[in-house]
Amino acid sequence: MRIPPRILSVTALAAALLVGGSVTGTANAAAPHRAVAVAPAGFSAAAVGEICYSALPSQAHDTLKLIDKGGPYPYPQDGTVFQNREGILPKQNNGYYHEYTVKTPGSPNRGARRIVTGESQQEDYYTADHYRSFDLVDHGC
């Protein structure tokens, strides 16, 4: 399976995501690693935030390592094109995003957690709620 090339920095991507919007930090002591992005005009939801790599569940680390290695993946759906039907992630051409399962301990199926990758370097989004919200993974913390 072909893994999309990753060419831009996370900083450049974050800047692109926030053009026309603003960033507000959260004062939530339980989640100090998160920032909430207010979506620019044209976005259907304001659900792209940010999460530190170190704050991801260990299973997400495992998934990101598998993506970097090119597999093998535990589920046949892993690596398939993510359509972005929800319109939460920045609009891109079909085929730009790919999705991968993040195992959920104790779940009898794939569960709700996913990593969605874009073609830019380290453009990884984590969702714990099956695409209702996304956090851009900050690999620097």
N, C-alpha and C. Protein backbone atom coordinates (compact mmCIF):
# COMPACT_ATOMS: atom_id res chain seq x y z
N MET A 1 0.83 -1.18 0.00
CA MET A 1 0.00 0.00 0.00
C MET A 1 0.87 1.24 0.00
N ARG A 2 0.53 2.19 -0.82
CA ARG A 2 1.26 3.44 -0.93
C ARG A 2 0.86 4.36 0.21
N ILE A 3 1.86 4.87 0.91
CA ILE A 3 1.62 5.83 1.98
C ILE A 3 1.82 7.22 1.39
N PRO A 4 0.89 8.13 1.62
CA PRO A 4 1.03 9.46 1.05
C PRO A 4 2.32 10.14 1.52
N PRO A 5 3.03 10.85 0.63
CA PRO A 5 4.23 11.57 1.04
C PRO A 5 3.86 12.67 2.03
N ARG A 6 4.77 12.95 2.91
CA ARG A 6 4.53 13.97 3.92
C ARG A 6 5.60 15.04 3.76
N ILE A 7 5.21 16.22 3.25
CA ILE A 7 6.19 17.21 2.87
C ILE A 7 6.18 18.52 3.67
N LEU A 8 5.06 18.92 4.19
CA LEU A 8 5.02 20.19 4.91
C LEU A 8 5.18 19.98 6.40
N SER A 9 5.58 21.03 7.10
CA SER A 9 5.73 20.93 8.55
C SER A 9 4.38 21.08 9.23
N VAL A 10 4.30 20.61 10.45
CA VAL A 10 3.07 20.74 11.23
C VAL A 10 2.77 22.21 11.47
N THR A 11 3.81 23.01 11.66
CA THR A 11 3.60 24.44 11.88
C THR A 11 2.94 25.08 10.67
N ALA A 12 3.43 24.76 9.48
CA ALA A 12 2.83 25.31 8.26
C ALA A 12 1.39 24.84 8.12
N LEU A 13 1.13 23.59 8.43
CA LEU A 13 -0.23 23.07 8.33
C LEU A 13 -1.14 23.78 9.33
N ALA A 14 -0.67 23.92 10.56
CA ALA A 14 -1.48 24.59 11.58
C ALA A 14 -1.81 26.01 11.14
N ALA A 15 -0.83 26.70 10.57
CA ALA A 15 -1.08 28.05 10.08
C ALA A 15 -2.13 28.03 8.98
N ALA A 16 -2.04 27.06 8.08
CA ALA A 16 -3.01 26.96 6.99
C ALA A 16 -4.41 26.67 7.52
N LEU A 17 -4.49 25.83 8.54
CA LEU A 17 -5.79 25.50 9.11
C LEU A 17 -6.46 26.70 9.76
N LEU A 18 -5.65 27.59 10.28
CA LEU A 18 -6.19 28.69 11.07
C LEU A 18 -6.36 29.98 10.29
N VAL A 19 -6.03 29.98 9.03
CA VAL A 19 -6.21 31.19 8.23
C VAL A 19 -7.68 31.56 8.25
N GLY A 20 -7.93 32.77 8.66
CA GLY A 20 -9.31 33.23 8.71
C GLY A 20 -10.00 32.86 10.02
N GLY A 21 -9.34 32.12 10.89
CA GLY A 21 -9.91 31.73 12.17
C GLY A 21 -9.04 32.24 13.29
N SER A 22 -9.26 31.72 14.46
CA SER A 22 -8.44 32.10 15.60
C SER A 22 -8.21 30.87 16.46
N VAL A 23 -7.28 31.00 17.40
CA VAL A 23 -6.99 29.89 18.30
C VAL A 23 -7.26 30.34 19.71
N THR A 24 -7.92 29.49 20.47
CA THR A 24 -8.15 29.78 21.87
C THR A 24 -7.63 28.63 22.69
N GLY A 25 -6.84 28.90 23.68
CA GLY A 25 -6.34 27.84 24.54
C GLY A 25 -7.41 27.44 25.53
N THR A 26 -7.30 26.23 26.05
CA THR A 26 -8.27 25.79 27.03
C THR A 26 -7.66 25.85 28.41
N ALA A 27 -8.48 26.10 29.38
CA ALA A 27 -8.01 26.15 30.75
C ALA A 27 -8.33 24.85 31.47
N ASN A 28 -8.75 23.85 30.75
CA ASN A 28 -9.13 22.57 31.31
C ASN A 28 -7.90 21.85 31.84
N ALA A 29 -7.81 21.67 33.14
CA ALA A 29 -6.65 21.02 33.74
C ALA A 29 -6.51 19.57 33.29
N ALA A 30 -7.61 18.95 32.93
CA ALA A 30 -7.56 17.55 32.50
C ALA A 30 -7.01 17.41 31.08
N ALA A 31 -7.02 18.48 30.32
CA ALA A 31 -6.54 18.41 28.93
C ALA A 31 -5.73 19.65 28.58
N PRO A 32 -4.62 19.92 29.30
CA PRO A 32 -3.85 21.13 29.03
C PRO A 32 -3.13 21.08 27.69
N HIS A 33 -3.08 19.93 27.06
CA HIS A 33 -2.38 19.75 25.80
C HIS A 33 -3.22 20.14 24.59
N ARG A 34 -4.45 20.53 24.80
CA ARG A 34 -5.36 20.79 23.69
C ARG A 34 -5.53 22.28 23.45
N ALA A 35 -5.67 22.64 22.20
CA ALA A 35 -6.08 23.98 21.81
C ALA A 35 -7.26 23.80 20.88
N VAL A 36 -8.23 24.65 21.00
CA VAL A 36 -9.41 24.54 20.17
C VAL A 36 -9.31 25.54 19.04
N ALA A 37 -9.47 25.09 17.83
CA ALA A 37 -9.42 25.97 16.67
C ALA A 37 -10.83 26.39 16.32
N VAL A 38 -11.01 27.69 16.11
CA VAL A 38 -12.28 28.19 15.63
C VAL A 38 -12.18 28.21 14.12
N ALA A 39 -13.05 27.48 13.46
CA ALA A 39 -12.94 27.29 12.01
C ALA A 39 -13.21 28.57 11.25
N PRO A 40 -12.47 28.78 10.16
CA PRO A 40 -12.72 29.93 9.30
C PRO A 40 -14.04 29.77 8.56
N ALA A 41 -14.50 30.84 7.95
CA ALA A 41 -15.73 30.79 7.17
C ALA A 41 -15.63 29.69 6.12
N GLY A 42 -16.72 28.99 5.89
CA GLY A 42 -16.72 27.93 4.90
C GLY A 42 -16.59 26.54 5.51
N PHE A 43 -16.17 26.45 6.77
CA PHE A 43 -16.09 25.15 7.43
C PHE A 43 -17.43 24.87 8.07
N SER A 44 -17.84 23.60 8.03
CA SER A 44 -19.15 23.24 8.58
C SER A 44 -19.08 22.98 10.09
N ALA A 45 -17.89 22.85 10.63
CA ALA A 45 -17.76 22.57 12.06
C ALA A 45 -16.47 23.16 12.59
N ALA A 46 -16.46 23.50 13.86
CA ALA A 46 -15.27 24.03 14.50
C ALA A 46 -14.68 22.94 15.39
N ALA A 47 -14.32 21.82 14.80
CA ALA A 47 -13.96 20.66 15.59
C ALA A 47 -12.52 20.21 15.38
N VAL A 48 -11.65 21.01 14.76
CA VAL A 48 -10.25 20.63 14.62
C VAL A 48 -9.47 21.33 15.71
N GLY A 49 -8.92 20.53 16.61
CA GLY A 49 -8.09 21.05 17.68
C GLY A 49 -6.67 20.55 17.50
N GLU A 50 -5.94 20.47 18.58
CA GLU A 50 -4.57 19.99 18.54
C GLU A 50 -4.33 19.12 19.76
N ILE A 51 -3.49 18.11 19.59
CA ILE A 51 -3.14 17.22 20.70
C ILE A 51 -1.66 16.89 20.60
N CYS A 52 -0.98 16.87 21.73
CA CYS A 52 0.42 16.48 21.76
C CYS A 52 0.56 14.99 21.50
N TYR A 53 1.57 14.63 20.77
CA TYR A 53 1.85 13.21 20.51
C TYR A 53 1.92 12.44 21.82
N SER A 54 2.55 13.04 22.82
CA SER A 54 2.72 12.35 24.11
C SER A 54 1.39 12.14 24.84
N ALA A 55 0.35 12.89 24.47
CA ALA A 55 -0.95 12.76 25.13
C ALA A 55 -1.85 11.74 24.43
N LEU A 56 -1.44 11.23 23.29
CA LEU A 56 -2.23 10.22 22.59
C LEU A 56 -2.22 8.90 23.37
N PRO A 57 -3.26 8.10 23.23
CA PRO A 57 -3.22 6.76 23.85
C PRO A 57 -2.11 5.93 23.19
N SER A 58 -1.57 4.98 23.92
CA SER A 58 -0.47 4.16 23.41
C SER A 58 -0.85 3.44 22.11
N GLN A 59 -2.11 3.10 21.96
CA GLN A 59 -2.55 2.42 20.74
C GLN A 59 -2.43 3.34 19.52
N ALA A 60 -2.59 4.64 19.70
CA ALA A 60 -2.40 5.60 18.60
C ALA A 60 -0.92 5.65 18.22
N HIS A 61 -0.03 5.58 19.21
CA HIS A 61 1.41 5.51 18.92
C HIS A 61 1.70 4.28 18.07
N ASP A 62 1.09 3.15 18.44
CA ASP A 62 1.28 1.91 17.67
C ASP A 62 0.81 2.08 16.22
N THR A 63 -0.33 2.72 16.05
CA THR A 63 -0.87 2.94 14.70
C THR A 63 0.04 3.84 13.89
N LEU A 64 0.53 4.93 14.49
CA LEU A 64 1.43 5.84 13.78
C LEU A 64 2.73 5.15 13.37
N LYS A 65 3.23 4.26 14.23
CA LYS A 65 4.44 3.50 13.88
C LYS A 65 4.17 2.57 12.70
N LEU A 66 3.00 1.92 12.69
CA LEU A 66 2.63 1.05 11.57
C LEU A 66 2.52 1.86 10.26
N ILE A 67 1.96 3.06 10.35
CA ILE A 67 1.83 3.91 9.16
C ILE A 67 3.22 4.25 8.63
N ASP A 68 4.13 4.63 9.53
CA ASP A 68 5.49 4.97 9.11
C ASP A 68 6.20 3.78 8.46
N LYS A 69 5.90 2.57 8.93
CA LYS A 69 6.51 1.35 8.36
C LYS A 69 5.80 0.87 7.11
N GLY A 70 4.60 1.38 6.87
CA GLY A 70 3.82 0.90 5.71
C GLY A 70 3.05 -0.37 5.99
N GLY A 71 2.78 -0.66 7.26
CA GLY A 71 2.00 -1.85 7.63
C GLY A 71 2.89 -2.96 8.14
N PRO A 72 2.35 -4.13 8.32
CA PRO A 72 1.00 -4.58 7.99
C PRO A 72 -0.03 -4.03 8.98
N TYR A 73 -1.24 -3.84 8.49
CA TYR A 73 -2.30 -3.27 9.29
C TYR A 73 -3.26 -4.36 9.76
N PRO A 74 -3.84 -4.17 10.96
CA PRO A 74 -4.70 -5.22 11.52
C PRO A 74 -6.09 -5.32 10.88
N TYR A 75 -6.53 -4.29 10.18
CA TYR A 75 -7.87 -4.29 9.61
C TYR A 75 -7.80 -3.99 8.11
N PRO A 76 -8.64 -4.64 7.30
CA PRO A 76 -8.59 -4.40 5.86
C PRO A 76 -8.96 -2.97 5.46
N GLN A 77 -9.68 -2.26 6.32
CA GLN A 77 -10.07 -0.87 6.01
C GLN A 77 -8.90 0.10 6.19
N ASP A 78 -7.87 -0.32 6.92
CA ASP A 78 -6.74 0.58 7.20
C ASP A 78 -6.02 0.95 5.92
N GLY A 79 -5.77 2.24 5.76
CA GLY A 79 -5.08 2.75 4.58
C GLY A 79 -6.02 3.15 3.45
N THR A 80 -7.32 2.96 3.66
CA THR A 80 -8.27 3.35 2.61
C THR A 80 -8.46 4.86 2.61
N VAL A 81 -8.97 5.36 1.51
CA VAL A 81 -9.19 6.80 1.37
C VAL A 81 -10.28 7.24 2.34
N PHE A 82 -9.98 8.30 3.08
CA PHE A 82 -10.96 8.94 3.96
C PHE A 82 -11.62 10.05 3.16
N GLN A 83 -12.93 10.01 3.06
CA GLN A 83 -13.68 10.92 2.19
C GLN A 83 -13.91 12.31 2.78
N ASN A 84 -13.77 12.49 4.08
CA ASN A 84 -14.03 13.78 4.74
C ASN A 84 -15.46 14.24 4.48
N ARG A 85 -16.40 13.32 4.49
CA ARG A 85 -17.80 13.65 4.25
C ARG A 85 -18.36 14.62 5.28
N GLU A 86 -17.80 14.56 6.49
CA GLU A 86 -18.25 15.44 7.56
C GLU A 86 -17.84 16.89 7.30
N GLY A 87 -16.81 17.08 6.47
CA GLY A 87 -16.33 18.42 6.14
C GLY A 87 -15.59 19.10 7.27
N ILE A 88 -15.11 18.34 8.23
CA ILE A 88 -14.43 18.93 9.38
C ILE A 88 -12.97 19.24 9.05
N LEU A 89 -12.30 18.33 8.36
CA LEU A 89 -10.91 18.57 7.98
C LEU A 89 -10.88 19.54 6.80
N PRO A 90 -9.74 20.21 6.59
CA PRO A 90 -9.66 21.13 5.45
C PRO A 90 -10.00 20.43 4.15
N LYS A 91 -10.72 21.13 3.29
CA LYS A 91 -11.16 20.55 2.01
C LYS A 91 -9.94 20.27 1.15
N GLN A 92 -9.87 19.03 0.64
CA GLN A 92 -8.79 18.59 -0.24
C GLN A 92 -9.39 17.71 -1.32
N ASN A 93 -8.61 17.42 -2.33
CA ASN A 93 -9.05 16.51 -3.39
C ASN A 93 -9.23 15.10 -2.83
N ASN A 94 -10.12 14.34 -3.47
CA ASN A 94 -10.34 12.95 -3.08
C ASN A 94 -9.01 12.19 -3.17
N GLY A 95 -8.72 11.40 -2.16
CA GLY A 95 -7.48 10.63 -2.13
C GLY A 95 -6.40 11.28 -1.28
N TYR A 96 -6.62 12.50 -0.83
CA TYR A 96 -5.64 13.22 -0.02
C TYR A 96 -5.51 12.62 1.37
N TYR A 97 -6.64 12.23 1.96
CA TYR A 97 -6.65 11.68 3.32
C TYR A 97 -6.80 10.16 3.29
N HIS A 98 -6.16 9.49 4.27
CA HIS A 98 -6.30 8.05 4.45
C HIS A 98 -6.57 7.78 5.94
N GLU A 99 -7.32 6.73 6.22
CA GLU A 99 -7.68 6.45 7.60
C GLU A 99 -7.09 5.12 8.08
N TYR A 100 -6.85 5.07 9.40
CA TYR A 100 -6.26 3.90 10.04
C TYR A 100 -6.91 3.71 11.40
N THR A 101 -7.12 2.48 11.77
CA THR A 101 -7.75 2.14 13.04
C THR A 101 -6.77 2.31 14.20
N VAL A 102 -7.26 2.89 15.29
CA VAL A 102 -6.54 2.89 16.56
C VAL A 102 -7.30 1.91 17.44
N LYS A 103 -6.65 0.82 17.77
CA LYS A 103 -7.33 -0.23 18.56
C LYS A 103 -7.86 0.33 19.87
N THR A 104 -9.03 -0.16 20.25
CA THR A 104 -9.66 0.21 21.51
C THR A 104 -9.70 -1.03 22.38
N PRO A 105 -8.92 -1.07 23.46
CA PRO A 105 -8.93 -2.25 24.33
C PRO A 105 -10.34 -2.60 24.80
N GLY A 106 -10.68 -3.87 24.69
CA GLY A 106 -11.98 -4.35 25.14
C GLY A 106 -13.10 -4.19 24.14
N SER A 107 -12.84 -3.51 23.02
CA SER A 107 -13.89 -3.33 22.02
C SER A 107 -14.00 -4.59 21.17
N PRO A 108 -15.24 -5.05 20.90
CA PRO A 108 -15.42 -6.26 20.09
C PRO A 108 -15.23 -5.99 18.59
N ASN A 109 -15.10 -4.70 18.21
CA ASN A 109 -14.92 -4.35 16.79
C ASN A 109 -13.82 -3.28 16.68
N ARG A 110 -13.79 -2.57 15.59
CA ARG A 110 -12.75 -1.56 15.38
C ARG A 110 -12.84 -0.40 16.36
N GLY A 111 -13.96 -0.19 16.97
CA GLY A 111 -14.12 0.93 17.89
C GLY A 111 -14.23 2.24 17.12
N ALA A 112 -14.15 3.36 17.83
CA ALA A 112 -14.38 4.67 17.24
C ALA A 112 -13.11 5.45 16.96
N ARG A 113 -11.97 4.97 17.43
CA ARG A 113 -10.74 5.76 17.35
C ARG A 113 -10.03 5.53 16.02
N ARG A 114 -9.55 6.63 15.42
CA ARG A 114 -8.86 6.57 14.14
C ARG A 114 -7.73 7.60 14.08
N ILE A 115 -6.78 7.31 13.22
CA ILE A 115 -5.80 8.29 12.76
C ILE A 115 -6.14 8.53 11.30
N VAL A 116 -6.26 9.78 10.91
CA VAL A 116 -6.46 10.16 9.52
C VAL A 116 -5.23 10.95 9.11
N THR A 117 -4.57 10.49 8.05
CA THR A 117 -3.36 11.17 7.58
C THR A 117 -3.66 11.97 6.33
N GLY A 118 -2.94 13.08 6.20
CA GLY A 118 -2.97 13.87 4.98
C GLY A 118 -1.66 13.66 4.25
N GLU A 119 -1.51 14.25 3.10
CA GLU A 119 -0.30 14.06 2.31
C GLU A 119 0.87 14.87 2.83
N SER A 120 0.64 15.89 3.63
CA SER A 120 1.73 16.71 4.15
C SER A 120 2.51 15.97 5.23
N GLN A 121 3.75 16.37 5.41
CA GLN A 121 4.60 15.74 6.42
C GLN A 121 3.97 15.88 7.80
N GLN A 122 3.85 14.77 8.49
CA GLN A 122 3.29 14.70 9.83
C GLN A 122 1.92 15.38 9.94
N GLU A 123 1.12 15.25 8.91
CA GLU A 123 -0.25 15.73 8.95
C GLU A 123 -1.13 14.57 9.39
N ASP A 124 -1.17 14.39 10.70
CA ASP A 124 -1.90 13.28 11.30
C ASP A 124 -2.98 13.85 12.20
N TYR A 125 -4.19 13.37 12.02
CA TYR A 125 -5.32 13.79 12.84
C TYR A 125 -5.78 12.59 13.64
N TYR A 126 -6.14 12.84 14.91
CA TYR A 126 -6.66 11.79 15.78
C TYR A 126 -8.12 12.10 16.07
N THR A 127 -8.95 11.08 15.99
CA THR A 127 -10.34 11.20 16.41
C THR A 127 -10.66 10.05 17.36
N ALA A 128 -11.25 10.37 18.47
CA ALA A 128 -11.66 9.35 19.44
C ALA A 128 -13.15 9.11 19.36
N ASP A 129 -13.85 9.88 18.52
CA ASP A 129 -15.31 9.82 18.48
C ASP A 129 -15.86 9.59 17.07
N HIS A 130 -15.15 8.78 16.31
CA HIS A 130 -15.57 8.36 14.97
C HIS A 130 -15.94 9.54 14.09
N TYR A 131 -14.99 10.47 13.92
CA TYR A 131 -15.06 11.57 12.95
C TYR A 131 -15.94 12.74 13.37
N ARG A 132 -16.43 12.79 14.61
CA ARG A 132 -17.20 13.97 15.05
C ARG A 132 -16.28 15.13 15.35
N SER A 133 -15.04 14.84 15.75
CA SER A 133 -14.05 15.88 16.01
C SER A 133 -12.67 15.31 15.72
N PHE A 134 -11.75 16.20 15.43
CA PHE A 134 -10.38 15.80 15.11
C PHE A 134 -9.41 16.69 15.85
N ASP A 135 -8.27 16.11 16.21
CA ASP A 135 -7.15 16.87 16.75
C ASP A 135 -5.95 16.64 15.87
N LEU A 136 -5.29 17.70 15.44
CA LEU A 136 -4.04 17.59 14.69
C LEU A 136 -2.97 17.19 15.69
N VAL A 137 -2.21 16.14 15.36
CA VAL A 137 -1.17 15.64 16.26
C VAL A 137 0.05 16.53 16.15
N ASP A 138 0.48 17.08 17.28
CA ASP A 138 1.72 17.87 17.35
C ASP A 138 2.81 16.90 17.74
N HIS A 139 3.67 16.56 16.78
CA HIS A 139 4.74 15.58 17.01
C HIS A 139 5.90 16.17 17.80
N GLY A 140 5.85 17.45 18.13
CA GLY A 140 6.94 18.09 18.85
C GLY A 140 6.75 18.13 20.35
N CYS A 141 5.68 17.54 20.85
CA CYS A 141 5.50 17.59 22.32
C CYS A 141 4.99 16.27 22.86
